[in-house]
PDB file of N, CA and C in Angstrom:
ATOM      1  N   MET A   1       2.381   9.272   3.190  1.00  0.00           N
ATOM      2  CA  MET A   1       2.851   9.214   4.610  1.00  0.00           C
ATOM      3  C   MET A   1       4.467   8.834   4.924  1.00  0.00           C
ATOM      4  N   ALA A   2       5.417   9.820   5.027  1.00  0.00           N
ATOM      5  CA  ALA A   2       6.559   9.469   5.354  1.00  0.00           C
ATOM      6  C   ALA A   2       7.244   8.958   6.802  1.00  0.00           C
ATOM      7  N   ASP A   3       6.402   9.294   7.666  1.00  0.00           N
ATOM      8  CA  ASP A   3       6.915   9.169   9.195  1.00  0.00           C
ATOM      9  C   ASP A   3       6.071   7.654   9.467  1.00  0.00           C
ATOM     10  N   TYR A   4       6.699   6.916  10.276  1.00  0.00           N
ATOM     11  CA  TYR A   4       5.777   5.731  10.577  1.00  0.00           C
ATOM     12  C   TYR A   4       5.798   5.259  12.074  1.00  0.00           C
ATOM     13  N   LEU A   5       6.525   6.561  12.771  1.00  0.00           N
ATOM     14  CA  LEU A   5       6.852   6.267  14.180  1.00  0.00           C
ATOM     15  C   LEU A   5       5.536   6.617  14.847  1.00  0.00           C
ATOM     16  N   ILE A   6       5.495   5.919  15.953  1.00  0.00           N
ATOM     17  CA  ILE A   6       4.318   5.370  16.894  1.00  0.00           C
ATOM     18  C   ILE A   6       3.595   7.085  17.210  1.00  0.00           C
ATOM     19  N   LYS A   7       4.931   8.154  17.512  1.00  0.00           N
ATOM     20  CA  LYS A   7       4.079   9.250  18.238  1.00  0.00           C
ATOM     21  C   LYS A   7       3.827  10.415  16.960  1.00  0.00           C
ATOM     22  N   ASP A   8       3.829   9.759  16.013  1.00  0.00           N
ATOM     23  CA  ASP A   8       3.633  10.591  14.808  1.00  0.00           C
ATOM     24  C   ASP A   8       2.382  10.221  14.022  1.00  0.00           C
ATOM     25  N   THR A   9       1.874   9.156  14.454  1.00  0.00           N
ATOM     26  CA  THR A   9       0.625   8.412  13.572  1.00  0.00           C
ATOM     27  C   THR A   9      -0.629   8.119  14.627  1.00  0.00           C
ATOM     28  N   THR A  10      -1.723   7.859  14.247  1.00  0.00           N
ATOM     29  CA  THR A  10      -2.637   7.408  14.864  1.00  0.00           C
ATOM     30  C   THR A  10      -2.797   6.123  14.785  1.00  0.00           C
ATOM     31  N   HIS A  11      -3.821   5.197  15.687  1.00  0.00           N
ATOM     32  CA  HIS A  11      -3.780   4.112  15.607  1.00  0.00           C
ATOM     33  C   HIS A  11      -4.412   3.622  14.190  1.00  0.00           C
ATOM     34  N   GLU A  12      -5.589   4.434  13.691  1.00  0.00           N
ATOM     35  CA  GLU A  12      -5.778   3.721  12.241  1.00  0.00           C
ATOM     36  C   GLU A  12      -4.553   4.357  11.205  1.00  0.00           C
ATOM     37  N   GLN A  13      -4.059   5.330  11.161  1.00  0.00           N
ATOM     38  CA  GLN A  13      -2.852   5.019  10.506  1.00  0.00           C
ATOM     39  C   GLN A  13      -2.116   4.161  10.317  1.00  0.00           C
ATOM     40  N   ARG A  14      -1.805   3.654  11.800  1.00  0.00           N
ATOM     41  CA  ARG A  14      -0.869   2.293  11.860  1.00  0.00           C
ATOM     42  C   ARG A  14      -1.409   1.096  11.111  1.00  0.00           C
ATOM     43  N   GLN A  15      -2.875   0.963  11.667  1.00  0.00           N
ATOM     44  CA  GLN A  15      -3.541   0.003  11.108  1.00  0.00           C
ATOM     45  C   GLN A  15      -3.464  -0.023   9.707  1.00  0.00           C
ATOM     46  N   ARG A  16      -3.470   0.843   8.906  1.00  0.00           N
ATOM     47  CA  ARG A  16      -3.444   0.865   7.273  1.00  0.00           C
ATOM     48  C   ARG A  16      -2.171   0.807   6.947  1.00  0.00           C
ATOM     49  N   ILE A  17      -0.991   1.456   7.627  1.00  0.00           N
ATOM     50  CA  ILE A  17       0.433   0.984   7.194  1.00  0.00           C
ATOM     51  C   ILE A  17       0.793  -0.390   7.247  1.00  0.00           C
ATOM     52  N   VAL A  18       0.166  -1.285   8.150  1.00  0.00           N
ATOM     53  CA  VAL A  18       0.300  -2.712   8.406  1.00  0.00           C
ATOM     54  C   VAL A  18      -0.427  -3.223   7.229  1.00  0.00           C
ATOM     55  N   GLU A  19      -1.849  -3.007   7.323  1.00  0.00           N
ATOM     56  CA  GLU A  19      -2.254  -3.375   6.050  1.00  0.00           C
ATOM     57  C   GLU A  19      -1.869  -3.082   4.643  1.00  0.00           C
ATOM     58  N   GLU A  20      -1.483  -2.368   4.215  1.00  0.00           N
ATOM     59  CA  GLU A  20      -0.526  -2.020   2.850  1.00  0.00           C
ATOM     60  C   GLU A  20       0.583  -2.285   2.656  1.00  0.00           C
ATOM     61  N   SER A  21       1.450  -2.407   3.985  1.00  0.00           N
ATOM     62  CA  SER A  21       2.881  -3.223   3.744  1.00  0.00           C
ATOM     63  C   SER A  21       2.455  -4.748   3.518  1.00  0.00           C
ATOM     64  N   LEU A  22       1.624  -5.381   4.036  1.00  0.00           N
ATOM     65  CA  LEU A  22       1.119  -6.551   4.101  1.00  0.00           C
ATOM     66  C   LEU A  22       0.694  -7.126   2.890  1.00  0.00           C
ATOM     67  N   GLY A  23      -0.420  -6.225   2.084  1.00  0.00           N
ATOM     68  CA  GLY A  23      -1.016  -6.669   0.956  1.00  0.00           C
ATOM     69  C   GLY A  23      -2.163  -7.383   1.653  1.00  0.00           C
ATOM     70  N   ASN A  24      -2.806  -8.277   0.894  1.00  0.00           N
ATOM     71  CA  ASN A  24      -3.960  -8.856   1.102  1.00  0.00           C
ATOM     72  C   ASN A  24      -3.923  -9.999   1.964  1.00  0.00           C
ATOM     73  N   ILE A  25      -3.799  -9.840   3.243  1.00  0.00           N
ATOM     74  CA  ILE A  25      -3.633 -10.579   4.415  1.00  0.00           C
ATOM     75  C   ILE A  25      -4.934 -11.599   4.341  1.00  0.00           C
ATOM     76  N   SER A  26      -5.694 -11.471   3.938  1.00  0.00           N
ATOM     77  CA  SER A  26      -7.079 -12.475   4.064  1.00  0.00           C
ATOM     78  C   SER A  26      -7.178 -13.494   2.659  1.00  0.00           C
ATOM     79  N   GLY A  27      -6.297 -13.204   1.759  1.00  0.00           N
ATOM     80  CA  GLY A  27      -6.185 -13.977   0.505  1.00  0.00           C
ATOM     81  C   GLY A  27      -5.410 -14.974   0.425  1.00  0.00           C
ATOM     82  N   SER A  28      -4.624 -15.249   1.628  1.00  0.00           N
ATOM     83  CA  SER A  28      -3.432 -16.406   1.860  1.00  0.00           C
ATOM     84  C   SER A  28      -4.359 -17.644   1.672  1.00  0.00           C
ATOM     85  N   CYS A  29      -3.378 -18.375   1.236  1.00  0.00           N
ATOM     86  CA  CYS A  29      -3.862 -19.733   0.955  1.00  0.00           C
ATOM     87  C   CYS A  29      -3.607 -20.496   2.152  1.00  0.00           C
ATOM     88  N   ASP A  30      -2.139 -20.459   2.685  1.00  0.00           N
ATOM     89  CA  ASP A  30      -1.720 -21.227   3.966  1.00  0.00           C
ATOM     90  C   ASP A  30      -2.196 -20.523   5.258  1.00  0.00           C
ATOM     91  N   GLY A  31      -2.465 -19.357   5.330  1.00  0.00           N
ATOM     92  CA  GLY A  31      -2.705 -18.748   6.538  1.00  0.00           C
ATOM     93  C   GLY A  31      -1.827 -18.059   7.399  1.00  0.00           C
ATOM     94  N   CYS A  32      -0.662 -18.080   6.616  1.00  0.00           N
ATOM     95  CA  CYS A  32       0.622 -17.375   7.307  1.00  0.00           C
ATOM     96  C   CYS A  32       0.515 -15.867   7.436  1.00  0.00           C
ATOM     97  N   MET A  33      -0.374 -15.243   6.699  1.00  0.00           N
ATOM     98  CA  MET A  33      -0.252 -13.882   6.356  1.00  0.00           C
ATOM     99  C   MET A  33      -1.127 -13.180   7.634  1.00  0.00           C
ATOM    100  N   ALA A  34      -2.216 -13.931   8.069  1.00  0.00           N
ATOM    101  CA  ALA A  34      -2.607 -13.510   9.390  1.00  0.00           C
ATOM    102  C   ALA A  34      -1.757 -13.331  10.509  1.00  0.00           C
ATOM    103  N   GLY A  35      -1.022 -14.465  10.756  1.00  0.00           N
ATOM    104  CA  GLY A  35       0.131 -14.323  11.616  1.00  0.00           C
ATOM    105  C   GLY A  35       1.385 -13.253  11.639  1.00  0.00           C
ATOM    106  N   LEU A  36       1.480 -13.059  10.481  1.00  0.00           N
ATOM    107  CA  LEU A  36       2.255 -11.736  10.158  1.00  0.00           C
ATOM    108  C   LEU A  36       1.327 -10.591  10.659  1.00  0.00           C
ATOM    109  N   ALA A  37       0.160 -10.558  10.292  1.00  0.00           N
ATOM    110  CA  ALA A  37      -0.530  -9.293  10.897  1.00  0.00           C
ATOM    111  C   ALA A  37      -0.745  -9.255  12.239  1.00  0.00           C
ATOM    112  N   GLU A  38      -1.108 -10.299  12.960  1.00  0.00           N
ATOM    113  CA  GLU A  38      -0.788 -10.654  14.652  1.00  0.00           C
ATOM    114  C   GLU A  38       0.379  -9.917  15.138  1.00  0.00           C
ATOM    115  N   MET A  39       1.598 -10.219  14.255  1.00  0.00           N
ATOM    116  CA  MET A  39       2.970  -9.785  14.915  1.00  0.00           C
ATOM    117  C   MET A  39       3.064  -8.642  14.975  1.00  0.00           C
ATOM    118  N   TYR A  40       2.386  -7.657  14.203  1.00  0.00           N
ATOM    119  CA  TYR A  40       2.436  -6.242  14.135  1.00  0.00           C
ATOM    120  C   TYR A  40       1.474  -5.717  14.913  1.00  0.00           C
ATOM    121  N   GLN A  41       0.761  -6.057  15.810  1.00  0.00           N
ATOM    122  CA  GLN A  41      -0.510  -5.946  16.835  1.00  0.00           C
ATOM    123  C   GLN A  41       0.095  -4.859  17.650  1.00  0.00           C
ATOM    124  N   ASP A  42       1.173  -5.207  18.167  1.00  0.00           N
ATOM    125  CA  ASP A  42       2.184  -4.266  19.371  1.00  0.00           C
ATOM    126  C   ASP A  42       1.918  -2.932  18.672  1.00  0.00           C
ATOM    127  N   TYR A  43       2.276  -2.875  17.301  1.00  0.00           N
ATOM    128  CA  TYR A  43       2.715  -1.486  16.481  1.00  0.00           C
ATOM    129  C   TYR A  43       1.443  -0.734  16.534  1.00  0.00           C
ATOM    130  N   ILE A  44       0.481  -1.530  15.957  1.00  0.00           N
ATOM    131  CA  ILE A  44      -0.760  -0.844  15.552  1.00  0.00           C
ATOM    132  C   ILE A  44      -1.403  -0.133  16.938  1.00  0.00           C
ATOM    133  N   ASP A  45      -1.195  -1.161  18.361  1.00  0.00           N
ATOM    134  CA  ASP A  45      -1.781  -0.650  19.517  1.00  0.00           C
ATOM    135  C   ASP A  45      -0.630   0.454  20.049  1.00  0.00           C
ATOM    136  N   GLY A  46       0.460   0.686  19.512  1.00  0.00           N
ATOM    137  CA  GLY A  46       1.203   1.986  19.990  1.00  0.00           C
ATOM    138  C   GLY A  46       1.786   1.357  20.969  1.00  0.00           C
ATOM    139  N   LYS A  47       2.264   0.064  21.095  1.00  0.00           N
ATOM    140  CA  LYS A  47       3.360  -0.549  22.141  1.00  0.00           C
ATOM    141  C   LYS A  47       4.908  -0.699  21.807  1.00  0.00           C
ATOM    142  N   LYS A  48       4.871  -0.794  20.516  1.00  0.00           N
ATOM    143  CA  LYS A  48       6.119  -1.187  19.913  1.00  0.00           C
ATOM    144  C   LYS A  48       6.430  -0.427  18.707  1.00  0.00           C
ATOM    145  N   GLU A  49       7.543  -0.024  18.492  1.00  0.00           N
ATOM    146  CA  GLU A  49       8.018   0.469  16.918  1.00  0.00           C
ATOM    147  C   GLU A  49       7.951  -0.515  15.957  1.00  0.00           C
ATOM    148  N   ILE A  50       7.704  -0.517  14.649  1.00  0.00           N
ATOM    149  CA  ILE A  50       7.854  -1.537  13.865  1.00  0.00           C
ATOM    150  C   ILE A  50       9.250  -1.866  13.774  1.00  0.00           C
ATOM    151  N   ARG A  51      10.256  -1.232  14.145  1.00  0.00           N
ATOM    152  CA  ARG A  51      11.859  -1.580  13.922  1.00  0.00           C
ATOM    153  C   ARG A  51      11.950  -2.457  15.276  1.00  0.00           C
ATOM    154  N   GLU A  52      11.572  -2.178  16.430  1.00  0.00           N
ATOM    155  CA  GLU A  52      11.613  -3.434  17.270  1.00  0.00           C
ATOM    156  C   GLU A  52      10.900  -4.395  17.501  1.00  0.00           C
ATOM    157  N   ILE A  53       9.956  -4.461  16.447  1.00  0.00           N
ATOM    158  CA  ILE A  53       9.367  -5.571  16.068  1.00  0.00           C
ATOM    159  C   ILE A  53      10.095  -6.970  15.133  1.00  0.00           C
ATOM    160  N   ASN A  54      10.656  -5.904  14.123  1.00  0.00           N
ATOM    161  CA  ASN A  54      11.618  -6.843  12.970  1.00  0.00           C
ATOM    162  C   ASN A  54      12.714  -7.460  13.694  1.00  0.00           C
ATOM    163  N   MET A  55      13.769  -6.175  14.596  1.00  0.00           N
ATOM    164  CA  MET A  55      14.591  -6.924  15.281  1.00  0.00           C
ATOM    165  C   MET A  55      14.237  -7.812  16.194  1.00  0.00           C
ATOM    166  N   GLU A  56      13.297  -8.127  17.245  1.00  0.00           N
ATOM    167  CA  GLU A  56      12.849  -9.347  17.587  1.00  0.00           C
ATOM    168  C   GLU A  56      12.710 -10.781  17.008  1.00  0.00           C
ATOM    169  N   PHE A  57      11.831 -10.297  15.539  1.00  0.00           N
ATOM    170  CA  PHE A  57      11.789 -11.694  14.757  1.00  0.00           C
ATOM    171  C   PHE A  57      12.868 -12.163  14.067  1.00  0.00           C
ATOM    172  N   ASN A  58      14.038 -10.821  13.993  1.00  0.00           N
ATOM    173  CA  ASN A  58      15.017 -11.369  13.412  1.00  0.00           C
ATOM    174  C   ASN A  58      15.960 -11.971  14.108  1.00  0.00           C
ATOM    175  N   ALA A  59      16.018 -11.655  15.456  1.00  0.00           N
ATOM    176  CA  ALA A  59      16.989 -12.496  16.379  1.00  0.00           C
ATOM    177  C   ALA A  59      16.817 -13.905  16.568  1.00  0.00           C
ATOM    178  N   ARG A  60      15.624 -14.201  16.503  1.00  0.00           N
ATOM    179  CA  ARG A  60      15.249 -15.582  16.399  1.00  0.00           C
ATOM    180  C   ARG A  60      16.073 -16.555  15.614  1.00  0.00           C
ATOM    181  N   TYR A  61      16.460 -16.057  14.430  1.00  0.00           N
ATOM    182  CA  TYR A  61      17.283 -16.344  13.151  1.00  0.00           C
ATOM    183  C   TYR A  61      18.928 -15.942  13.309  1.00  0.00           C
ATOM    184  N   THR A  62      19.224 -15.523  14.440  1.00  0.00           N
ATOM    185  CA  THR A  62      20.382 -15.463  14.344  1.00  0.00           C
ATOM    186  C   THR A  62      21.427 -16.371  15.279  1.00  0.00           C
ATOM    187  N   HIS A  63      21.976 -17.170  14.719  1.00  0.00           N
ATOM    188  CA  HIS A  63      22.865 -18.233  15.347  1.00  0.00           C
ATOM    189  C   HIS A  63      24.196 -18.510  14.798  1.00  0.00           C
ATOM    190  N   ALA A  64      25.103 -19.341  15.635  1.00  0.00           N
ATOM    191  CA  ALA A  64      26.115 -19.784  15.019  1.00  0.00           C
ATOM    192  C   ALA A  64      25.840 -20.717  14.027  1.00  0.00           C
ATOM    193  N   ASP A  65      26.945 -20.888  12.808  1.00  0.00           N
ATOM    194  CA  ASP A  65      26.744 -21.896  12.123  1.00  0.00           C
ATOM    195  C   ASP A  65      26.805 -23.450  12.754  1.00  0.00           C
ATOM    196  N   PRO A  66      25.600 -24.204  12.378  1.00  0.00           N
ATOM    197  CA  PRO A  66      25.560 -25.240  12.989  1.00  0.00           C
ATOM    198  C   PRO A  66      26.522 -26.343  12.133  1.00  0.00           C
ATOM    199  N   ARG A  67      26.844 -26.094  11.133  1.00  0.00           N
ATOM    200  CA  ARG A  67      27.689 -27.184  10.408  1.00  0.00           C
ATOM    201  C   ARG A  67      28.808 -27.599  10.686  1.00  0.00           C
ATOM    202  N   PRO A  68      29.329 -28.911  10.893  1.00  0.00           N
ATOM    203  CA  PRO A  68      30.579 -29.236  11.414  1.00  0.00           C
ATOM    204  C   PRO A  68      31.589 -28.649  10.568  1.00  0.00           C
ATOM    205  N   GLU A  69      32.872 -28.681  10.862  1.00  0.00           N
ATOM    206  CA  GLU A  69      33.866 -28.291   9.903  1.00  0.00           C
ATOM    207  C   GLU A  69      34.690 -29.458   9.324  1.00  0.00           C
ATOM    208  N   LYS A  70      34.929 -29.231   8.108  1.00  0.00           N
ATOM    209  CA  LYS A  70      35.591 -30.245   7.383  1.00  0.00           C
ATOM    210  C   LYS A  70      37.013 -30.025   7.395  1.00  0.00           C
ATOM    211  N   GLU A  71      37.911 -31.154   7.691  1.00  0.00           N
ATOM    212  CA  GLU A  71      39.270 -31.032   7.381  1.00  0.00           C
ATOM    213  C   GLU A  71      39.918 -31.250   6.176  1.00  0.00           C
ATOM    214  N   ASN A  72      39.034 -31.696   5.445  1.00  0.00           N
ATOM    215  CA  ASN A  72      39.668 -32.061   4.131  1.00  0.00           C
ATOM    216  C   ASN A  72      39.322 -31.767   2.985  1.00  0.00           C
ATOM    217  N   GLY A  73      38.376 -30.468   3.202  1.00  0.00           N
ATOM    218  CA  GLY A  73      37.514 -29.576   2.341  1.00  0.00           C
ATOM    219  C   GLY A  73      36.506 -30.647   2.114  1.00  0.00           C
ATOM    220  N   CYS A  74      35.835 -30.426   0.900  1.00  0.00           N
ATOM    221  CA  CYS A  74      34.255 -30.738   0.912  1.00  0.00           C
ATOM    222  C   CYS A  74      34.597 -32.313   0.386  1.00  0.00           C
ATOM    223  N   GLU A  75      33.665 -33.251   0.891  1.00  0.00           N
ATOM    224  CA  GLU A  75      33.621 -34.500   0.559  1.00  0.00           C
ATOM    225  C   GLU A  75      33.185 -34.953  -0.808  1.00  0.00           C
ATOM    226  N   TYR A  76      32.284 -33.961  -1.273  1.00  0.00           N
ATOM    227  CA  TYR A  76      31.629 -34.239  -2.482  1.00  0.00           C
ATOM    228  C   TYR A  76      32.331 -33.560  -3.942  1.00  0.00           C
ATOM    229  N   ALA A  77      33.411 -33.176  -3.557  1.00  0.00           N
ATOM    230  CA  ALA A  77      34.350 -32.670  -4.547  1.00  0.00           C
ATOM    231  C   ALA A  77      35.356 -33.603  -5.073  1.00  0.00           C
TER     232      ALA A  77
END
């Protein structure tokens, strides 16, 4: 299956795409894989493209560098 756009896939195909991409979501020991599967539910339901979901997720981690500037270089050197 070369195309992953909502308009080119069925609900069942999108479900399979997510399952195959994430691997064994029920076999995770810390439960985080189930959260990933839920993150893509809007794609499976035909509400958002994978690209949109990934961009929203990545946007949460985009921010300015919180480290203070050092005037005299690294103090550990």
